[in-house]
Amino acid sequence: MSNQFMFADEPGQQTPKIPTEKWKVLIVDDEPEVHAVTKLALSDFQFLGRGLDFYSAYSGSEARELINSHPDAAILLLDVVMESDDAGLKVARFIREEALNHYTRIILRTGQPGQAPERTVIVNYDINDYKSKTELTAQKLFTTVMSSLRSYRDIMSIEQSRHGLEKIIASSSNLYALQPMTRFVDGLVQQLSWLIGGCRQTLYATADDKGRSYQVVAAHGEDASEAVGQTLRSVLPSAALSEVEDVITHHGSYYGSDFVLLYCRSHCRPHGSLLFIDGISRKLNDDDHHVLQLFAENVQLAQDNVVCLEDSDQFVARLSDQLMATHAANFDPDKLSDRAALAYRLGQQVTDREQAQAIALAWFLYEPAEPLLRCASESVAANETTCQQRVARSLRALGHGQHIATQIAHRALTERLERWDGMGLPEGKQGADIAISTQLLILTEQLFDWQQQGLSVADIKTRLETEKGRYYSPEFLEGVVPNLSTVMAER
């Protein structure tokens, strides 16, 4: 290739200080001079305060390795003719169809336009620009790279926003659960980082009950994984650290030269949260301030809802425990309801008296949930799964209970559709993973249903034999069935 295909002469420019963060540019060309002149022409290039980092390959095979090693490259400057007349075109196809990289901007450069006509190449290959080396001056290269970087920035901004939205959507169905709430906030933080224009780091931290410490619960950007779980003050730069106390005290905000501190006021707790954004590459305008304020208000409101729901769960759990403790203190087998009494007698067949009593007490919580248990048709597995999810969410407060009877009731309600053979719902629990107390409460319910259908004890025993090893533990039924006539006749 002739050196006349390099760059036309233009006045030189001063090279500013090279920033530490750079955009990756891959140069693929079989002429070493092209690599050298390209780097020289773009040596003083900056976009959003970042320079360029160059990586070179001299053949199609080397280009493939380079692309796989740097999937985050912003631009690929690609020669068409190398070891073969279409080597560059094959690389372009590889990056899109095999490496599945649709983000890197491909600028095709050729010294022999007749080998790869522009119209044909643009139509048949997913490239972003086509330049002849004879016309590509340093200024035109600068313009091409600048426009390509802007496109890459916008594409990555959209992609990051998409990932953030995916987290939000994935969390929305369980917005009020603690872990999904964390993912929800994380998704919003990720979106916010890009909506305001490519900041380096975004942190969201919530206060402890006394407001003495703020812990990072969601982060995006530089050192994000290391920041989560740390106290905010331990990860803030000194410039922001000097302002954080004033922001907390006055429930306000602070806009530095390249960072923002924003207080997120809580409506149900004495202390709220803090939003920190660092490495902002441009001056924020009024619209940006409005977006930040909306984030502060709405994400904190969502987190407040979680706190209130958890408080409600704890309150209901304490009430349930007190109810169980009251029934336990006044426990009299002769004064139990018919079904609670049957559960007690069945329990005595396979466990000790204390456990049997706890199972009978659990019936006082299990029975009121009956309307929830009938929320779906038994013949449709998908509906059963939906029904069980409704039960799990409606009765989640019982999971915080400390009384053994509360715990038995909660477990039975969450395991009621499980089967001993592992074919049940929603988790497919198998064997000993299903509690004996759960089987006792389910059997109590089923025995009453069969009695109402007019089945005799002999018919019931026959049915239980067919369900041995399927719905119930064989050992459990062997302990119950022999005395079933007596157990069901007693009162």
Protein backbone atom coordinates (compact mmCIF):
# COMPACT_ATOMS: atom_id res chain seq x y z
CA MET A 1 0.00 0.00 0.00
CA SER A 2 1.37 3.43 -0.94
CA ASN A 3 2.02 6.01 1.74
CA GLN A 4 -0.04 8.49 -0.27
CA PHE A 5 -3.07 6.82 1.25
CA MET A 6 -2.21 8.00 4.78
CA PHE A 7 -3.38 11.54 5.61
CA ALA A 8 -3.23 14.84 3.82
CA ASP A 9 -1.05 17.50 5.52
CA GLU A 10 -2.81 19.72 8.03
CA PRO A 11 -1.58 22.11 10.76
CA GLY A 12 -0.55 20.33 13.97
CA GLN A 13 -2.31 20.78 17.27
CA GLN A 14 -1.08 20.84 20.87
CA THR A 15 -1.58 17.65 22.81
CA PRO A 16 -3.36 18.16 26.15
CA LYS A 17 -2.81 15.99 29.21
CA ILE A 18 -4.05 12.48 28.53
CA PRO A 19 -6.90 11.53 30.94
CA THR A 20 -6.74 8.34 32.90
CA GLU A 21 -10.04 6.98 31.55
CA LYS A 22 -10.06 6.30 27.82
CA TRP A 23 -12.24 5.07 24.98
CA LYS A 24 -10.95 1.87 23.37
CA VAL A 25 -10.16 2.07 19.66
CA LEU A 26 -9.14 -1.05 17.70
CA ILE A 27 -7.00 -0.54 14.59
CA VAL A 28 -6.98 -3.45 12.14
CA ASP A 29 -4.72 -2.92 9.13
CA ASP A 30 -1.82 -4.81 7.53
CA GLU A 31 0.21 -1.61 7.07
CA PRO A 32 2.18 -0.61 10.23
CA GLU A 33 2.34 2.95 8.92
CA VAL A 34 -1.46 3.22 9.08
CA HIS A 35 -1.39 2.30 12.78
CA ALA A 36 1.34 4.85 13.51
CA VAL A 37 -0.26 7.71 11.59
CA THR A 38 -3.73 6.97 13.01
CA LYS A 39 -2.42 7.14 16.56
CA LEU A 40 -0.53 10.34 15.76
CA ALA A 41 -3.55 12.01 14.18
CA LEU A 42 -5.76 11.16 17.17
CA SER A 43 -3.16 11.64 19.91
CA ASP A 44 -4.82 14.79 21.24
CA PHE A 45 -8.40 13.53 20.90
CA GLN A 46 -10.79 13.91 23.82
CA PHE A 47 -14.49 13.23 24.23
CA LEU A 48 -16.32 13.84 27.51
CA GLY A 49 -12.96 14.36 29.16
CA ARG A 50 -11.60 11.00 28.02
CA GLY A 51 -8.86 10.25 25.53
CA LEU A 52 -8.33 7.19 23.35
CA ASP A 53 -6.62 3.88 24.08
CA PHE A 54 -5.38 2.09 20.92
CA TYR A 55 -5.10 -1.66 20.27
CA SER A 56 -3.64 -3.01 17.04
CA ALA A 57 -4.08 -6.09 14.85
CA TYR A 58 -2.47 -6.70 11.44
CA SER A 59 -4.61 -9.48 9.98
CA GLY A 60 -8.10 -10.90 10.10
CA SER A 61 -7.16 -13.69 12.49
CA GLU A 62 -5.44 -11.23 14.87
CA ALA A 63 -8.50 -8.99 14.63
CA ARG A 64 -10.77 -11.79 15.83
CA GLU A 65 -8.60 -12.34 18.90
CA LEU A 66 -8.50 -8.60 19.57
CA ILE A 67 -12.27 -8.29 19.34
CA ASN A 68 -12.81 -11.19 21.74
CA SER A 69 -10.32 -9.66 24.18
CA HIS A 70 -11.90 -6.19 24.05
CA PRO A 71 -15.68 -6.50 23.64
CA ASP A 72 -16.03 -3.05 25.21
CA ALA A 73 -14.16 -1.32 22.38
CA ALA A 74 -15.98 1.80 21.21
CA ILE A 75 -14.59 1.94 17.65
CA LEU A 76 -13.03 -0.48 15.16
CA LEU A 77 -11.02 1.12 12.34
CA LEU A 78 -10.99 -1.75 9.85
CA ASP A 79 -9.06 -2.21 6.62
CA VAL A 80 -10.81 -4.20 3.90
CA VAL A 81 -7.87 -5.76 2.03
CA MET A 82 -5.34 -7.58 4.21
CA GLU A 83 -4.35 -11.24 3.83
CA SER A 84 -7.22 -11.55 1.38
CA ASP A 85 -9.35 -9.12 -0.63
CA ASP A 86 -12.28 -9.50 1.76
CA ALA A 87 -10.49 -10.13 5.07
CA GLY A 88 -11.93 -6.97 6.60
CA LEU A 89 -15.45 -7.79 5.50
CA LYS A 90 -15.13 -11.21 7.14
CA VAL A 91 -14.03 -9.51 10.35
CA ALA A 92 -17.05 -7.19 10.20
CA ARG A 93 -19.35 -10.17 9.81
CA PHE A 94 -17.56 -12.01 12.63
CA ILE A 95 -17.98 -9.19 15.12
CA ARG A 96 -21.72 -8.90 14.46
CA GLU A 97 -22.78 -12.49 13.80
CA GLU A 98 -20.34 -14.62 15.84
CA ALA A 99 -19.08 -12.35 18.60
CA LEU A 100 -22.63 -10.87 18.76
CA ASN A 101 -21.15 -7.44 19.38
CA HIS A 102 -23.64 -4.86 18.11
CA TYR A 103 -22.22 -1.94 20.07
CA THR A 104 -18.72 -1.33 18.69
CA ARG A 105 -18.84 1.18 15.84
CA ILE A 106 -17.16 -0.23 12.71
CA ILE A 107 -15.46 2.27 10.40
CA LEU A 108 -14.34 0.55 7.22
CA ARG A 109 -11.24 2.04 5.60
CA THR A 110 -9.97 0.99 2.20
CA GLY A 111 -7.22 2.08 -0.12
CA GLN A 112 -8.84 0.22 -3.01
CA PRO A 113 -12.52 1.22 -3.18
CA GLY A 114 -13.04 -0.86 -6.31
CA GLN A 115 -12.37 -4.05 -4.34
CA ALA A 116 -15.36 -3.34 -2.05
CA PRO A 117 -17.82 -0.86 -3.57
CA GLU A 118 -19.33 1.40 -0.91
CA ARG A 119 -22.99 0.80 -1.81
CA THR A 120 -22.57 -2.99 -1.80
CA VAL A 121 -20.68 -3.01 1.50
CA ILE A 122 -23.11 -0.67 3.30
CA VAL A 123 -26.10 -2.76 2.19
CA ASN A 124 -24.64 -6.21 2.91
CA TYR A 125 -22.56 -5.61 6.05
CA ASP A 126 -23.46 -4.07 9.41
CA ILE A 127 -20.87 -1.31 9.37
CA ASN A 128 -21.29 2.28 10.51
CA ASP A 129 -19.07 4.24 8.15
CA TYR A 130 -17.07 3.74 4.97
CA LYS A 131 -14.00 5.83 4.15
CA SER A 132 -11.47 5.82 1.35
CA LYS A 133 -7.95 6.36 2.61
CA THR A 134 -7.27 8.80 -0.21
CA GLU A 135 -9.87 11.21 1.21
CA LEU A 136 -9.39 10.57 4.90
CA THR A 137 -7.44 13.56 6.21
CA ALA A 138 -6.62 13.88 9.88
CA GLN A 139 -9.50 16.34 10.30
CA LYS A 140 -11.96 13.99 8.61
CA LEU A 141 -10.73 11.11 10.74
CA PHE A 142 -11.24 13.29 13.81
CA THR A 143 -14.79 14.08 12.70
CA THR A 144 -15.56 10.42 11.96
CA VAL A 145 -14.25 9.22 15.31
CA MET A 146 -16.09 11.97 17.20
CA SER A 147 -19.44 11.16 15.57
CA SER A 148 -18.88 7.44 16.10
CA LEU A 149 -18.09 7.94 19.79
CA ARG A 150 -21.24 9.97 20.22
CA SER A 151 -23.23 7.14 18.65
CA TYR A 152 -21.47 4.59 20.87
CA ARG A 153 -22.17 6.70 23.97
CA ASP A 154 -25.86 6.94 23.08
CA ILE A 155 -26.12 3.22 22.30
CA MET A 156 -24.47 2.25 25.58
CA SER A 157 -26.64 4.73 27.44
CA ILE A 158 -29.73 3.09 25.98
CA GLU A 159 -28.34 -0.37 26.76
CA GLN A 160 -27.57 0.52 30.35
CA SER A 161 -31.02 2.03 30.71
CA ARG A 162 -32.49 -1.19 29.32
CA HIS A 163 -30.62 -3.24 31.92
CA GLY A 164 -31.85 -0.88 34.60
CA LEU A 165 -35.44 -1.19 33.39
CA GLU A 166 -35.12 -4.98 33.35
CA LYS A 167 -34.17 -4.92 37.02
CA ILE A 168 -37.09 -2.65 37.81
CA ILE A 169 -39.56 -4.80 35.86
CA ALA A 170 -38.19 -8.00 37.41
CA SER A 171 -38.63 -6.47 40.85
CA SER A 172 -42.01 -4.82 40.38
CA SER A 173 -44.07 -7.94 41.08
CA ASN A 174 -42.37 -8.28 44.48
CA LEU A 175 -41.75 -4.63 45.14
CA TYR A 176 -42.54 -4.91 48.82
CA ALA A 177 -40.12 -7.72 49.60
CA LEU A 178 -36.75 -6.62 50.96
CA GLN A 179 -34.43 -8.31 48.44
CA PRO A 180 -36.50 -7.37 45.37
CA MET A 181 -36.60 -3.83 46.76
CA THR A 182 -32.80 -3.81 46.76
CA ARG A 183 -32.81 -4.87 43.12
CA PHE A 184 -35.42 -2.22 42.39
CA VAL A 185 -33.24 0.54 43.85
CA ASP A 186 -30.19 -0.88 42.07
CA GLY A 187 -32.00 -0.71 38.74
CA LEU A 188 -33.03 2.89 39.34
CA VAL A 189 -29.49 3.83 40.33
CA GLN A 190 -28.13 2.28 37.14
CA GLN A 191 -30.66 4.15 35.01
CA LEU A 192 -30.03 7.40 36.78
CA SER A 193 -26.27 7.09 36.21
CA TRP A 194 -26.78 7.16 32.48
CA LEU A 195 -29.76 9.50 32.24
CA ILE A 196 -27.67 12.37 33.55
CA GLY A 197 -24.85 11.65 31.10
CA GLY A 198 -22.31 8.99 31.94
CA CYS A 199 -21.16 9.57 35.51
CA ARG A 200 -18.39 7.48 37.01
CA GLN A 201 -20.16 6.23 40.13
CA THR A 202 -23.61 6.36 41.74
CA LEU A 203 -24.30 5.28 45.34
CA TYR A 204 -27.57 5.02 47.26
CA ALA A 205 -27.26 4.65 51.04
CA THR A 206 -29.90 4.26 53.75
CA ALA A 207 -29.63 5.33 57.39
CA ASP A 208 -29.72 3.07 60.42
CA ASP A 209 -32.45 3.57 63.03
CA LYS A 210 -30.45 6.21 64.89
CA GLY A 211 -29.24 8.04 61.78
CA ARG A 212 -25.61 7.70 62.83
CA SER A 213 -24.50 5.64 59.87
CA TYR A 214 -25.56 5.41 56.22
CA GLN A 215 -24.96 2.06 54.51
CA VAL A 216 -24.65 1.70 50.73
CA VAL A 217 -27.48 -0.59 49.51
CA ALA A 218 -27.14 0.01 45.76
CA ALA A 219 -24.29 1.15 43.54
CA HIS A 220 -23.40 1.49 39.88
CA GLY A 221 -20.17 2.24 38.10
CA GLU A 222 -16.60 2.28 39.40
CA ASP A 223 -15.97 -0.01 42.41
CA ALA A 224 -19.73 -0.64 42.69
CA SER A 225 -19.46 -4.18 44.07
CA GLU A 226 -16.91 -3.12 46.70
CA ALA A 227 -19.05 -0.18 47.81
CA VAL A 228 -22.26 -2.12 48.52
CA GLY A 229 -22.51 -2.96 52.20
CA GLN A 230 -19.95 -0.32 53.24
CA THR A 231 -20.74 2.83 55.19
CA LEU A 232 -21.15 5.80 52.86
CA ARG A 233 -18.54 7.87 54.66
CA SER A 234 -15.91 5.17 54.13
CA VAL A 235 -16.27 5.30 50.34
CA LEU A 236 -16.87 9.02 49.73
CA PRO A 237 -14.05 11.16 48.32
CA SER A 238 -12.76 13.91 50.60
CA ALA A 239 -14.52 16.71 48.69
CA ALA A 240 -17.93 15.08 49.21
CA LEU A 241 -17.12 13.93 52.75
CA SER A 242 -16.75 17.52 53.89
CA GLU A 243 -20.29 18.31 52.68
CA VAL A 244 -22.21 15.20 53.73
CA GLU A 245 -22.93 16.31 57.31
CA ASP A 246 -24.47 19.59 56.17
CA VAL A 247 -26.65 17.79 53.59
CA ILE A 248 -27.93 15.37 56.25
CA THR A 249 -28.51 18.08 58.85
CA HIS A 250 -30.50 20.34 56.53
CA HIS A 251 -32.13 17.55 54.49
CA GLY A 252 -30.85 19.30 51.41
CA SER A 253 -28.54 18.85 48.44
CA TYR A 254 -25.07 19.83 47.31
CA TYR A 255 -23.87 20.22 43.72
CA GLY A 256 -20.10 20.13 43.41
CA SER A 257 -17.98 20.58 40.30
CA ASP A 258 -18.33 16.91 39.32
CA PHE A 259 -20.45 15.32 42.06
CA VAL A 260 -23.89 15.56 43.68
CA LEU A 261 -25.06 14.77 47.20
CA LEU A 262 -28.82 14.59 47.65
CA TYR A 263 -30.85 13.81 50.77
CA CYS A 264 -33.87 11.54 50.23
CA ARG A 265 -36.41 12.32 52.97
CA SER A 266 -38.40 9.47 54.50
CA HIS A 267 -42.07 9.88 55.41
CA CYS A 268 -42.22 7.03 57.92
CA ARG A 269 -38.80 7.08 59.56
CA PRO A 270 -36.85 9.83 61.31
CA HIS A 271 -33.92 9.35 58.95
CA GLY A 272 -33.93 8.98 55.17
CA SER A 273 -31.30 8.07 52.59
CA LEU A 274 -28.48 9.70 50.64
CA LEU A 275 -27.83 9.72 46.91
CA PHE A 276 -24.24 10.34 45.75
CA ILE A 277 -23.25 10.78 42.10
CA ASP A 278 -19.58 11.22 41.23
CA GLY A 279 -17.58 11.85 38.07
CA ILE A 280 -20.27 13.81 36.22
CA SER A 281 -18.87 14.72 32.81
CA ARG A 282 -21.00 17.81 32.16
CA LYS A 283 -22.75 20.66 33.93
CA LEU A 284 -26.18 19.62 35.16
CA ASN A 285 -29.13 21.67 34.02
CA ASP A 286 -32.57 22.30 35.56
CA ASP A 287 -34.00 19.18 33.92
CA ASP A 288 -31.25 17.09 35.52
CA HIS A 289 -32.03 18.60 38.90
CA HIS A 290 -35.69 17.74 38.39
CA VAL A 291 -34.87 14.12 37.55
CA LEU A 292 -32.69 13.82 40.63
CA GLN A 293 -35.42 15.28 42.82
CA LEU A 294 -37.99 12.85 41.40
CA PHE A 295 -35.65 9.97 42.12
CA ALA A 296 -35.09 11.15 45.67
CA GLU A 297 -38.82 11.43 46.36
CA ASN A 298 -40.11 8.32 44.61
CA VAL A 299 -37.45 5.76 45.41
CA GLN A 300 -37.57 6.77 49.05
CA LEU A 301 -41.36 6.43 49.03
CA ALA A 302 -41.02 2.89 47.67
CA GLN A 303 -38.51 2.03 50.37
CA ASP A 304 -40.81 3.55 53.00
CA ASN A 305 -43.53 1.17 51.83
CA VAL A 306 -41.20 -1.76 52.43
CA VAL A 307 -40.45 -0.55 55.94
CA CYS A 308 -44.14 -0.12 56.74
CA LEU A 309 -44.98 -3.57 55.38
CA GLU A 310 -42.24 -5.14 57.45
CA ASP A 311 -43.59 -3.35 60.52
CA SER A 312 -47.05 -4.75 59.74
CA ASP A 313 -45.61 -8.24 59.35
CA GLN A 314 -43.91 -8.04 62.72
CA PHE A 315 -47.11 -6.75 64.34
CA VAL A 316 -49.26 -9.57 62.89
CA ALA A 317 -46.62 -12.11 63.89
CA ARG A 318 -46.68 -10.89 67.49
CA LEU A 319 -50.48 -11.05 67.55
CA SER A 320 -50.39 -14.61 66.20
CA ASP A 321 -47.84 -15.65 68.81
CA GLN A 322 -49.97 -14.12 71.58
CA LEU A 323 -53.04 -15.95 70.28
CA MET A 324 -51.16 -19.25 70.27
CA ALA A 325 -49.79 -18.60 73.75
CA THR A 326 -53.32 -17.86 75.05
CA HIS A 327 -54.74 -21.06 73.53
CA ALA A 328 -51.78 -23.06 74.87
CA ALA A 329 -52.34 -21.73 78.40
CA ASN A 330 -56.00 -22.80 78.28
CA PHE A 331 -55.51 -25.98 76.24
CA ASP A 332 -58.29 -28.54 76.78
CA PRO A 333 -58.69 -31.34 74.21
CA ASP A 334 -62.38 -31.65 75.04
CA LYS A 335 -63.04 -28.00 74.14
CA LEU A 336 -61.30 -28.02 70.75
CA SER A 337 -63.22 -27.65 67.51
CA ASP A 338 -63.89 -30.90 65.65
CA ARG A 339 -61.04 -30.45 63.20
CA ALA A 340 -58.53 -29.19 65.78
CA ALA A 341 -59.46 -32.18 67.97
CA LEU A 342 -58.92 -34.57 65.04
CA ALA A 343 -55.53 -32.97 64.32
CA TYR A 344 -54.63 -33.48 67.98
CA ARG A 345 -55.63 -37.16 67.97
CA LEU A 346 -53.82 -37.82 64.68
CA GLY A 347 -50.73 -36.10 66.06
CA GLN A 348 -50.71 -38.38 69.08
CA GLN A 349 -50.40 -41.38 66.75
CA VAL A 350 -47.08 -40.27 65.21
CA THR A 351 -45.53 -37.79 67.64
CA ASP A 352 -45.39 -36.82 71.31
CA ARG A 353 -48.14 -35.03 73.25
CA GLU A 354 -46.41 -31.63 73.23
CA GLN A 355 -45.95 -31.67 69.45
CA ALA A 356 -49.52 -32.91 68.94
CA GLN A 357 -50.78 -30.02 71.04
CA ALA A 358 -48.79 -27.52 68.94
CA ILE A 359 -50.29 -29.03 65.77
CA ALA A 360 -53.80 -28.69 67.19
CA LEU A 361 -53.11 -25.07 68.10
CA ALA A 362 -51.77 -24.42 64.61
CA TRP A 363 -55.22 -25.33 63.27
CA PHE A 364 -56.52 -22.04 64.73
CA LEU A 365 -54.31 -20.21 62.20
CA TYR A 366 -54.52 -22.78 59.41
CA GLU A 367 -58.34 -22.88 59.25
CA PRO A 368 -58.99 -19.11 58.76
CA ALA A 369 -56.78 -19.26 55.65
CA GLU A 370 -59.26 -21.62 53.96
CA PRO A 371 -60.74 -18.91 51.65
CA LEU A 372 -57.24 -18.25 50.32
CA LEU A 373 -56.66 -21.96 49.76
CA ARG A 374 -59.68 -22.11 47.43
CA CYS A 375 -58.55 -19.31 45.14
CA ALA A 376 -57.88 -21.59 42.16
CA SER A 377 -59.26 -24.64 40.46
CA GLU A 378 -57.56 -27.82 41.61
CA SER A 379 -57.51 -29.12 38.05
CA VAL A 380 -55.21 -26.41 36.69
CA ALA A 381 -51.61 -26.60 37.86
CA ALA A 382 -50.81 -23.05 36.73
CA ASN A 383 -53.72 -21.73 38.78
CA GLU A 384 -52.58 -23.73 41.77
CA THR A 385 -49.18 -22.11 41.53
CA THR A 386 -50.81 -18.67 41.38
CA CYS A 387 -53.02 -19.60 44.31
CA GLN A 388 -50.02 -20.71 46.35
CA GLN A 389 -48.23 -17.44 45.59
CA ARG A 390 -51.27 -15.58 46.89
CA VAL A 391 -51.19 -17.66 50.06
CA ALA A 392 -47.46 -17.09 50.52
CA ARG A 393 -47.75 -13.32 50.13
CA SER A 394 -50.90 -12.95 52.21
CA LEU A 395 -49.53 -14.97 55.11
CA ARG A 396 -45.88 -13.92 54.96
CA ALA A 397 -46.26 -12.24 58.37
CA LEU A 398 -46.61 -15.66 60.01
CA GLY A 399 -43.07 -16.42 58.87
CA HIS A 400 -41.83 -13.96 61.50
CA GLY A 401 -43.65 -15.79 64.31
CA GLN A 402 -41.67 -17.25 67.20
CA HIS A 403 -44.29 -19.58 68.76
CA ILE A 404 -43.95 -23.17 67.56
CA ALA A 405 -47.64 -23.35 66.63
CA THR A 406 -47.32 -20.19 64.50
CA GLN A 407 -44.33 -21.70 62.72
CA ILE A 408 -46.18 -24.99 62.14
CA ALA A 409 -49.19 -23.17 60.66
CA HIS A 410 -47.04 -21.04 58.38
CA ARG A 411 -45.04 -24.00 57.10
CA ALA A 412 -48.16 -26.07 56.49
CA LEU A 413 -49.78 -23.27 54.51
CA THR A 414 -46.71 -22.88 52.30
CA GLU A 415 -46.28 -26.65 51.86
CA ARG A 416 -49.93 -27.64 51.40
CA LEU A 417 -49.52 -28.36 47.66
CA GLU A 418 -46.25 -30.24 48.01
CA ARG A 419 -46.15 -34.03 47.56
CA TRP A 420 -44.01 -36.70 49.13
CA ASP A 421 -42.89 -37.90 45.67
CA GLY A 422 -41.64 -34.43 44.69
CA MET A 423 -44.38 -33.75 42.12
CA GLY A 424 -46.04 -30.96 44.09
CA LEU A 425 -46.00 -27.15 44.05
CA PRO A 426 -44.51 -24.63 44.23
CA GLU A 427 -40.99 -25.88 45.09
CA GLY A 428 -41.31 -29.59 44.33
CA LYS A 429 -40.22 -30.56 47.83
CA GLN A 430 -39.67 -34.27 48.35
CA GLY A 431 -39.65 -36.76 51.19
CA ALA A 432 -38.48 -35.55 54.58
CA ASP A 433 -38.28 -31.96 53.29
CA ILE A 434 -42.05 -31.82 53.93
CA ALA A 435 -42.82 -31.57 57.64
CA ILE A 436 -44.82 -34.29 59.39
CA SER A 437 -46.88 -31.52 60.98
CA THR A 438 -47.80 -30.31 57.46
CA GLN A 439 -48.96 -33.80 56.50
CA LEU A 440 -51.02 -34.05 59.68
CA LEU A 441 -52.87 -30.79 59.02
CA ILE A 442 -53.45 -31.65 55.35
CA LEU A 443 -54.69 -35.14 56.30
CA THR A 444 -57.04 -33.60 58.88
CA GLU A 445 -58.53 -31.41 56.18
CA GLN A 446 -58.85 -34.29 53.74
CA LEU A 447 -60.42 -36.71 56.23
CA PHE A 448 -63.20 -34.24 56.96
CA ASP A 449 -63.83 -33.73 53.25
CA TRP A 450 -64.11 -37.50 52.72
CA GLN A 451 -66.46 -37.82 55.68
CA GLN A 452 -68.71 -35.14 54.20
CA GLN A 453 -68.74 -37.12 50.96
CA GLY A 454 -70.12 -40.10 52.94
CA LEU A 455 -67.06 -42.34 52.60
CA SER A 456 -66.69 -45.11 55.15
CA VAL A 457 -63.51 -45.61 57.15
CA ALA A 458 -62.75 -48.68 55.00
CA ASP A 459 -63.04 -46.58 51.82
CA ILE A 460 -60.84 -43.90 53.35
CA LYS A 461 -58.17 -46.45 54.24
CA THR A 462 -58.24 -47.74 50.66
CA ARG A 463 -57.73 -44.26 49.28
CA LEU A 464 -54.89 -43.57 51.68
CA GLU A 465 -53.18 -46.77 50.54
CA THR A 466 -53.18 -45.45 46.96
CA GLU A 467 -51.66 -42.18 48.13
CA LYS A 468 -48.89 -43.83 50.17
CA GLY A 469 -45.55 -42.67 48.81
CA ARG A 470 -47.23 -40.15 46.54
CA TYR A 471 -48.88 -37.51 48.70
CA TYR A 472 -47.90 -38.86 52.10
CA SER A 473 -44.93 -40.52 53.72
CA PRO A 474 -45.37 -44.32 53.91
CA GLU A 475 -44.07 -44.29 57.50
CA PHE A 476 -46.51 -41.52 58.41
CA LEU A 477 -49.52 -43.43 57.05
CA GLU A 478 -48.36 -46.66 58.68
CA GLY A 479 -48.52 -44.84 62.01
CA VAL A 480 -51.97 -43.34 61.33
CA VAL A 481 -54.02 -45.85 59.33
CA PRO A 482 -54.11 -48.80 61.79
CA ASN A 483 -55.95 -46.71 64.43
CA LEU A 484 -57.93 -44.57 62.00
CA SER A 485 -61.31 -46.05 62.99
CA THR A 486 -60.76 -45.17 66.63
CA VAL A 487 -59.27 -41.74 65.91
CA MET A 488 -62.17 -40.70 63.67
CA ALA A 489 -64.83 -42.08 66.00
CA GLU A 490 -63.55 -40.31 69.11
CA ARG A 491 -64.73 -36.94 70.26
